[in-house]
């Protein structure tokens, strides 16, 4: 199964935004590339820049945002 993960779900997990980050963590655990459960997680190419921009506005630290994106 393929999952298209919304940028807000990514941001919830990255920034540990309450009350959603624990649910977002579960989604990422399901789509973990080391799992052999057949679930693949994807984000759109345009979401990457949106995620970076919003995370940077929140954290004000480029290195931290880049590390979280990796």
N, C-alpha and C. Protein backbone atom coordinates (compact mmCIF):
# COMPACT_ATOMS: atom_id res chain seq x y z
N UNK A 1 0.85 -1.17 0.00
CA UNK A 1 0.00 0.00 0.00
C UNK A 1 0.90 1.24 0.00
N UNK A 2 0.54 2.21 -0.79
CA UNK A 2 1.27 3.48 -0.85
C UNK A 2 0.48 4.56 -0.13
N UNK A 3 1.18 5.34 0.71
CA UNK A 3 0.56 6.44 1.45
C UNK A 3 1.16 7.76 0.99
N UNK A 4 0.32 8.70 0.62
CA UNK A 4 0.78 10.05 0.34
C UNK A 4 0.56 10.85 1.62
N UNK A 5 1.65 11.22 2.26
CA UNK A 5 1.60 11.86 3.57
C UNK A 5 1.55 13.37 3.39
N UNK A 6 0.55 13.98 3.99
CA UNK A 6 0.36 15.43 3.90
C UNK A 6 1.48 16.16 4.64
N UNK A 7 1.82 17.34 4.17
CA UNK A 7 2.90 18.12 4.79
C UNK A 7 2.60 18.45 6.25
N UNK A 8 1.34 18.61 6.61
CA UNK A 8 1.01 18.90 8.01
C UNK A 8 1.32 17.71 8.91
N UNK A 9 1.18 16.50 8.40
CA UNK A 9 1.52 15.31 9.18
C UNK A 9 3.03 15.28 9.41
N UNK A 10 3.80 15.61 8.39
CA UNK A 10 5.26 15.67 8.52
C UNK A 10 5.64 16.73 9.56
N UNK A 11 5.02 17.89 9.46
CA UNK A 11 5.32 18.96 10.41
C UNK A 11 4.90 18.60 11.83
N UNK A 12 3.78 17.91 11.97
CA UNK A 12 3.36 17.47 13.31
C UNK A 12 4.43 16.60 13.94
N UNK A 13 4.97 15.69 13.16
CA UNK A 13 6.01 14.80 13.69
C UNK A 13 7.31 15.54 13.95
N UNK A 14 7.75 16.35 12.98
CA UNK A 14 9.03 17.06 13.12
C UNK A 14 9.04 18.00 14.30
N UNK A 15 7.95 18.75 14.45
CA UNK A 15 7.90 19.80 15.46
C UNK A 15 7.19 19.36 16.74
N UNK A 16 6.78 18.09 16.76
CA UNK A 16 6.05 17.52 17.91
C UNK A 16 4.88 18.41 18.32
N UNK A 17 4.08 18.75 17.30
CA UNK A 17 2.93 19.62 17.54
C UNK A 17 1.80 18.82 18.19
N UNK A 18 1.34 19.34 19.31
CA UNK A 18 0.23 18.72 20.05
C UNK A 18 -1.08 19.10 19.38
N UNK A 19 -2.03 18.26 19.41
CA UNK A 19 -2.10 16.91 19.98
C UNK A 19 -1.84 15.82 18.94
N UNK A 20 -1.25 16.18 17.79
CA UNK A 20 -1.21 15.26 16.65
C UNK A 20 0.09 14.50 16.46
N UNK A 21 1.16 14.88 17.13
CA UNK A 21 2.45 14.31 16.78
C UNK A 21 2.56 12.82 17.07
N UNK A 22 1.87 12.32 18.08
CA UNK A 22 1.95 10.89 18.37
C UNK A 22 1.27 10.06 17.27
N UNK A 23 0.18 10.57 16.74
CA UNK A 23 -0.48 9.89 15.61
C UNK A 23 0.39 9.94 14.37
N UNK A 24 1.03 11.08 14.15
CA UNK A 24 1.94 11.21 13.00
C UNK A 24 3.10 10.24 13.14
N UNK A 25 3.60 10.07 14.34
CA UNK A 25 4.70 9.14 14.59
C UNK A 25 4.30 7.71 14.21
N UNK A 26 3.07 7.33 14.52
CA UNK A 26 2.58 6.00 14.17
C UNK A 26 2.54 5.79 12.66
N UNK A 27 2.15 6.83 11.93
CA UNK A 27 2.12 6.75 10.46
C UNK A 27 3.52 6.53 9.92
N UNK A 28 4.48 7.27 10.45
CA UNK A 28 5.85 7.12 9.98
C UNK A 28 6.44 5.77 10.38
N UNK A 29 6.05 5.25 11.53
CA UNK A 29 6.50 3.92 11.92
C UNK A 29 5.97 2.86 10.96
N UNK A 30 4.72 3.02 10.53
CA UNK A 30 4.15 2.07 9.56
C UNK A 30 4.89 2.12 8.22
N UNK A 31 5.30 3.31 7.83
CA UNK A 31 5.94 3.49 6.53
C UNK A 31 7.46 3.40 6.61
N UNK A 32 7.98 3.00 7.75
CA UNK A 32 9.43 2.87 7.92
C UNK A 32 9.99 1.93 6.86
N UNK A 33 11.04 2.37 6.18
CA UNK A 33 11.60 1.58 5.08
C UNK A 33 12.19 0.25 5.55
N UNK A 34 12.44 0.10 6.85
CA UNK A 34 12.98 -1.16 7.36
C UNK A 34 11.89 -2.18 7.66
N UNK A 35 10.64 -1.76 7.62
CA UNK A 35 9.53 -2.70 7.84
C UNK A 35 9.24 -3.43 6.54
N UNK A 36 8.89 -4.67 6.66
CA UNK A 36 8.53 -5.47 5.48
C UNK A 36 7.02 -5.66 5.41
N UNK A 37 6.27 -4.62 5.75
CA UNK A 37 4.81 -4.74 5.78
C UNK A 37 4.14 -4.28 4.49
N UNK A 38 4.94 -3.86 3.50
CA UNK A 38 4.39 -3.46 2.22
C UNK A 38 3.79 -2.07 2.19
N UNK A 39 4.03 -1.28 3.24
CA UNK A 39 3.50 0.08 3.28
C UNK A 39 4.64 1.05 2.96
N UNK A 40 4.41 1.89 1.95
CA UNK A 40 5.40 2.88 1.52
C UNK A 40 4.84 4.27 1.71
N UNK A 41 5.60 5.14 2.35
CA UNK A 41 5.18 6.52 2.57
C UNK A 41 5.86 7.47 1.60
N UNK A 42 5.09 8.43 1.09
CA UNK A 42 5.60 9.40 0.14
C UNK A 42 5.09 10.79 0.50
N UNK A 43 5.87 11.80 0.11
CA UNK A 43 5.40 13.17 0.15
C UNK A 43 5.61 13.75 -1.24
N UNK A 44 4.85 14.76 -1.58
CA UNK A 44 5.01 15.36 -2.90
C UNK A 44 6.28 16.21 -2.92
N UNK A 45 6.82 16.40 -4.11
CA UNK A 45 8.04 17.19 -4.25
C UNK A 45 7.85 18.62 -3.76
N UNK A 46 6.70 19.19 -4.03
CA UNK A 46 6.46 20.58 -3.61
C UNK A 46 6.29 20.69 -2.09
N UNK A 47 5.96 19.59 -1.43
CA UNK A 47 5.79 19.63 0.03
C UNK A 47 7.12 19.86 0.74
N UNK A 48 8.22 19.43 0.15
CA UNK A 48 9.52 19.57 0.80
C UNK A 48 9.84 21.03 1.10
N UNK A 49 9.63 21.90 0.11
CA UNK A 49 9.92 23.32 0.34
C UNK A 49 8.95 23.94 1.33
N UNK A 50 7.69 23.53 1.27
CA UNK A 50 6.70 24.03 2.24
C UNK A 50 7.07 23.61 3.66
N UNK A 51 7.46 22.36 3.82
CA UNK A 51 7.83 21.84 5.13
C UNK A 51 9.05 22.60 5.66
N UNK A 52 10.05 22.80 4.80
CA UNK A 52 11.25 23.53 5.22
C UNK A 52 10.88 24.95 5.68
N UNK A 53 10.10 25.64 4.88
CA UNK A 53 9.72 27.02 5.18
C UNK A 53 8.98 27.12 6.51
N UNK A 54 7.99 26.27 6.72
CA UNK A 54 7.20 26.34 7.94
C UNK A 54 8.02 25.92 9.16
N UNK A 55 8.83 24.88 9.01
CA UNK A 55 9.68 24.44 10.12
C UNK A 55 10.70 25.52 10.47
N UNK A 56 11.27 26.18 9.46
CA UNK A 56 12.24 27.24 9.74
C UNK A 56 11.58 28.41 10.47
N UNK A 57 10.37 28.76 10.07
CA UNK A 57 9.66 29.84 10.76
C UNK A 57 9.45 29.51 12.23
N UNK A 58 9.25 28.25 12.52
CA UNK A 58 9.01 27.82 13.89
C UNK A 58 10.31 27.72 14.69
N UNK A 59 11.35 27.14 14.09
CA UNK A 59 12.59 26.85 14.81
C UNK A 59 13.67 27.92 14.71
N UNK A 60 13.64 28.70 13.63
CA UNK A 60 14.63 29.76 13.39
C UNK A 60 16.08 29.24 13.41
N UNK A 61 16.27 28.01 12.92
CA UNK A 61 17.59 27.40 12.92
C UNK A 61 17.71 26.50 11.70
N UNK A 62 18.47 26.94 10.71
CA UNK A 62 18.58 26.21 9.44
C UNK A 62 19.16 24.81 9.61
N UNK A 63 20.22 24.68 10.42
CA UNK A 63 20.86 23.38 10.61
C UNK A 63 19.91 22.39 11.27
N UNK A 64 19.15 22.85 12.25
CA UNK A 64 18.22 21.97 12.93
C UNK A 64 17.12 21.49 11.99
N UNK A 65 16.62 22.40 11.15
CA UNK A 65 15.56 22.03 10.19
C UNK A 65 16.13 21.03 9.19
N UNK A 66 17.32 21.26 8.68
CA UNK A 66 17.92 20.32 7.73
C UNK A 66 18.13 18.94 8.36
N UNK A 67 18.59 18.93 9.61
CA UNK A 67 18.79 17.65 10.31
C UNK A 67 17.47 16.91 10.48
N UNK A 68 16.41 17.62 10.81
CA UNK A 68 15.10 17.00 10.97
C UNK A 68 14.58 16.45 9.65
N UNK A 69 14.85 17.16 8.56
CA UNK A 69 14.39 16.70 7.25
C UNK A 69 15.12 15.43 6.80
N UNK A 70 16.33 15.29 7.21
CA UNK A 70 17.08 14.08 6.83
C UNK A 70 16.47 12.87 7.49
